[in-house]
Amino acid sequence: MLSLTLLAALVLLPGDLQAAQEERSQEAAHEETEGEADGDSSAWGATFLIRVGAGYNIGIGDRYSFSPSIAFDFIGREQALVYGADFSIKF
């Protein structure tokens, strides 16, 4: 059985995102003119995520299944390829 996925979500990610880095560098440049920069890199930020993917469920007998999948994530200006497989047991 073929399955298609379209996901749109607001996710919380570590502060090493490009947007957060740009914001921190602008703040640091502003603070350097007034004094020492804070340098806190533990900030988290919310960003919008879109995932488009597909998978195929392969039944193995009545109880087991194997499902390979592939997806593309669009996070701000970044893109990522996500792939994997699931092995399932009914109980």
C-alpha atoms as a PDB file:
ATOM      1  CA  MET A   1       0.000   0.000   0.000  1.00  0.00           C
ATOM      2  CA  LEU A   2       1.419   3.379  -1.060  1.00  0.00           C
ATOM      3  CA  SER A   3       1.126   6.314   1.355  1.00  0.00           C
ATOM      4  CA  LEU A   4       1.770   9.993   0.676  1.00  0.00           C
ATOM      5  CA  THR A   5       2.578  12.588   3.324  1.00  0.00           C
ATOM      6  CA  LEU A   6       2.185  16.350   3.459  1.00  0.00           C
ATOM      7  CA  LEU A   7       2.977  17.917   6.820  1.00  0.00           C
ATOM      8  CA  ALA A   8       3.104  21.567   7.812  1.00  0.00           C
ATOM      9  CA  ALA A   9       4.138  22.374  11.372  1.00  0.00           C
ATOM     10  CA  LEU A  10       5.663  24.975  13.626  1.00  0.00           C
ATOM     11  CA  VAL A  11       8.653  23.319  15.289  1.00  0.00           C
ATOM     12  CA  LEU A  12      11.046  24.322  18.056  1.00  0.00           C
ATOM     13  CA  LEU A  13      14.669  23.862  17.009  1.00  0.00           C
ATOM     14  CA  PRO A  14      18.068  24.665  18.573  1.00  0.00           C
ATOM     15  CA  GLY A  15      19.471  28.141  18.155  1.00  0.00           C
ATOM     16  CA  ASP A  16      21.976  27.115  15.471  1.00  0.00           C
ATOM     17  CA  LEU A  17      19.436  27.854  12.729  1.00  0.00           C
ATOM     18  CA  GLN A  18      20.554  30.323  10.114  1.00  0.00           C
ATOM     19  CA  ALA A  19      17.938  32.906  11.093  1.00  0.00           C
ATOM     20  CA  ALA A  20      18.919  32.731  14.765  1.00  0.00           C
ATOM     21  CA  GLN A  21      22.604  33.059  13.856  1.00  0.00           C
ATOM     22  CA  GLU A  22      21.932  36.130  11.741  1.00  0.00           C
ATOM     23  CA  GLU A  23      19.898  37.684  14.543  1.00  0.00           C
ATOM     24  CA  ARG A  24      22.630  36.970  17.107  1.00  0.00           C
ATOM     25  CA  SER A  25      25.357  38.376  14.854  1.00  0.00           C
ATOM     26  CA  GLN A  26      23.356  41.574  14.409  1.00  0.00           C
ATOM     27  CA  GLU A  27      22.812  41.826  18.169  1.00  0.00           C
ATOM     28  CA  ALA A  28      26.490  41.110  18.848  1.00  0.00           C
ATOM     29  CA  ALA A  29      27.558  43.816  16.402  1.00  0.00           C
ATOM     30  CA  HIS A  30      25.230  46.245  18.163  1.00  0.00           C
ATOM     31  CA  GLU A  31      26.461  45.215  21.635  1.00  0.00           C
ATOM     32  CA  GLU A  32      30.133  45.465  20.627  1.00  0.00           C
ATOM     33  CA  THR A  33      29.645  49.160  20.083  1.00  0.00           C
ATOM     34  CA  GLU A  34      28.160  49.432  23.605  1.00  0.00           C
ATOM     35  CA  GLY A  35      30.215  46.787  25.459  1.00  0.00           C
ATOM     36  CA  GLU A  36      30.814  43.042  25.694  1.00  0.00           C
ATOM     37  CA  ALA A  37      28.659  40.626  23.639  1.00  0.00           C
ATOM     38  CA  ASP A  38      26.607  38.066  25.578  1.00  0.00           C
ATOM     39  CA  GLY A  39      27.555  35.017  23.442  1.00  0.00           C
ATOM     40  CA  ASP A  40      24.708  32.760  24.647  1.00  0.00           C
ATOM     41  CA  SER A  41      24.324  29.923  22.085  1.00  0.00           C
ATOM     42  CA  SER A  42      21.685  27.915  23.964  1.00  0.00           C
ATOM     43  CA  ALA A  43      18.711  29.842  22.556  1.00  0.00           C
ATOM     44  CA  TRP A  44      15.894  27.924  20.889  1.00  0.00           C
ATOM     45  CA  GLY A  45      13.663  29.275  18.157  1.00  0.00           C
ATOM     46  CA  ALA A  46      10.420  28.349  16.455  1.00  0.00           C
ATOM     47  CA  THR A  47      10.392  27.887  12.694  1.00  0.00           C
ATOM     48  CA  PHE A  48       7.966  26.634  10.066  1.00  0.00           C
ATOM     49  CA  LEU A  49       8.516  23.138   8.617  1.00  0.00           C
ATOM     50  CA  ILE A  50       6.984  21.534   5.533  1.00  0.00           C
ATOM     51  CA  ARG A  51       7.537  17.789   4.902  1.00  0.00           C
ATOM     52  CA  VAL A  52       6.533  16.060   1.669  1.00  0.00           C
ATOM     53  CA  GLY A  53       7.071  12.324   1.503  1.00  0.00           C
ATOM     54  CA  ALA A  54       6.029   8.901   0.360  1.00  0.00           C
ATOM     55  CA  GLY A  55       6.263   5.373   1.721  1.00  0.00           C
ATOM     56  CA  TYR A  56       5.235   1.874   0.786  1.00  0.00           C
ATOM     57  CA  ASN A  57       3.857  -0.676   3.257  1.00  0.00           C
ATOM     58  CA  ILE A  58       4.859  -4.277   2.458  1.00  0.00           C
ATOM     59  CA  GLY A  59       2.923  -6.915   4.390  1.00  0.00           C
ATOM     60  CA  ILE A  60       4.871  -9.974   5.528  1.00  0.00           C
ATOM     61  CA  GLY A  61       2.339 -12.589   6.562  1.00  0.00           C
ATOM     62  CA  ASP A  62      -0.561 -11.613   8.823  1.00  0.00           C
ATOM     63  CA  ARG A  63       1.515 -10.132  11.620  1.00  0.00           C
ATOM     64  CA  TYR A  64       4.546  -8.275  10.208  1.00  0.00           C
ATOM     65  CA  SER A  65       5.153  -5.381   7.828  1.00  0.00           C
ATOM     66  CA  PHE A  66       8.104  -3.483   6.394  1.00  0.00           C
ATOM     67  CA  SER A  67       7.754   0.136   5.211  1.00  0.00           C
ATOM     68  CA  PRO A  68      10.519   2.056   3.408  1.00  0.00           C
ATOM     69  CA  SER A  69       9.924   5.814   3.138  1.00  0.00           C
ATOM     70  CA  ILE A  70      11.464   8.993   1.763  1.00  0.00           C
ATOM     71  CA  ALA A  71      10.639  12.627   2.547  1.00  0.00           C
ATOM     72  CA  PHE A  72      11.880  16.106   1.786  1.00  0.00           C
ATOM     73  CA  ASP A  73      11.894  18.722   4.558  1.00  0.00           C
ATOM     74  CA  PHE A  74      11.792  22.448   3.897  1.00  0.00           C
ATOM     75  CA  ILE A  75      12.854  24.409   6.986  1.00  0.00           C
ATOM     76  CA  GLY A  76      13.170  28.107   6.294  1.00  0.00           C
ATOM     77  CA  ARG A  77      15.811  28.387   3.565  1.00  0.00           C
ATOM     78  CA  GLU A  78      17.208  24.918   4.288  1.00  0.00           C
ATOM     79  CA  GLN A  79      16.198  21.607   2.673  1.00  0.00           C
ATOM     80  CA  ALA A  80      16.837  18.086   3.913  1.00  0.00           C
ATOM     81  CA  LEU A  81      16.374  14.588   2.530  1.00  0.00           C
ATOM     82  CA  VAL A  82      14.964  12.162   5.090  1.00  0.00           C
ATOM     83  CA  TYR A  83      14.769   8.424   4.412  1.00  0.00           C
ATOM     84  CA  GLY A  84      14.257   5.333   6.484  1.00  0.00           C
ATOM     85  CA  ALA A  85      12.378   2.123   7.045  1.00  0.00           C
ATOM     86  CA  ASP A  86       9.950   0.794   9.656  1.00  0.00           C
ATOM     87  CA  PHE A  87       9.492  -2.792  10.765  1.00  0.00           C
ATOM     88  CA  SER A  88       6.139  -3.422  12.472  1.00  0.00           C
ATOM     89  CA  ILE A  89       4.661  -6.301  14.455  1.00  0.00           C
ATOM     90  CA  LYS A  90       0.915  -6.516  15.176  1.00  0.00           C
ATOM     91  CA  PHE A  91      -0.068  -7.680  18.647  1.00  0.00           C
END
